[in-house]
Amino acid sequence: MVAAMQPFRSILVDIDATAKAQPALERAVRIARGCGARIRVVDVISVPSAARGYWRADLERDAANRRYEQLLGIAAGVTGVTVDTNVLLGQPARALIQEVLRGGHDLLVRSHARDVVARDPKLFGTVDAQLFRKCPCPVWAVGPGPVPRYPKVVGAVHATTSVTHEQEMNTKIIDLAGSIADLERGSLSLLHAWQPVAERSMLSHASDMEFSAYLHTLQRGAAESLAHLKDSFGRYLSGVQVDLKRGDPEEVIPEFVVAHGIDLVVVGTVARAGLAGFLIGNTAERLLQKLPCSILAVKSDGFVSPVRPGEPA
């Protein structure tokens, strides 16, 4: 197993206090117990734009008080972890990011039933996508259903990159995935999706034999890069399975998740487009809608959120 990264110190958990099940809180509590982190449980009250002209201050205060009482009741059922609660007001993604910045939280875990509207039954919503783009700390979007006893965690890496900050992202993905697997007593595997460069051009201008040799060379190079990445962690990745799949990560990762019963995918996000093998911009949002499991996204070093703590949420 990979060596655990610096343990989490403070975990922000965004829940729907009116929901009957709280999978995000269950996962966060298990992580916090394993590393001694504290937890802040929040719910965000966001007034629809059509209702803002009729939403008086006393109505907002009453709604916040009711929601706060619900949060206190939920927190009272948590044992073995230091927990506090808060009700946030404003647009959910912005309010959560501001809370991350104010509280110095190093992990955001959420599972919010109200994000999934009846006419569009997708696992994750637009708030998750905004957090993936703008939240400075890792964001764990937890899927519904019972918490697995021994979760299967996969780190989706870009093993063939020669770009320094992408290589650093690989390390962060593996560190984070390994830490989660350790803390939850789960298993870890690594997945690299590779694609032939200029495939259409090669098909048009090369013979079948030449194209086959081209694919073989690329696949061998990808396999060697993935093996080198694993070996760079030494004994900490001993016993960890590595998988090499040809295809677009948007298609390969969901297929791999279903085929192997994966519970959590750990991925990297970057702030600009054009880096093959990583989740970038709208690609991250599209993958959010394709994965039938939980997904944890980590930012590259030096990422600065465009959201500021003092701005109206």
Foldseek 3Di string as FASTA:
>chain_A
DFDADQQFAEEEEEEDLVDPDFQQVVLVLLSCLLRVHAYEYEYEDEDPPVCVVVCDPVNVVVVQVVSLVSVVVVVVPRPNHHYHYHYFYHDVLLRVLLCCVVVVGQEYTYEYPVQADPVHRFQDHPSQLSCLQFRQHKYKHFGDDDDDQAAEEEEQAALLDPDVLSLVQSVVSCNVRLNSNVSSVYAYAYEYEDEQDPLVVCVVPDDPVVSVVSVVVVQVSSVVSVVVSLCVSPPSCPPHHYYYHYDACLPVVQVVCVVPVHAEYEFEEENDDDDGRHQYRVSVVSSSRRHNHMYMYHYTPPDDGPRHNPDDD
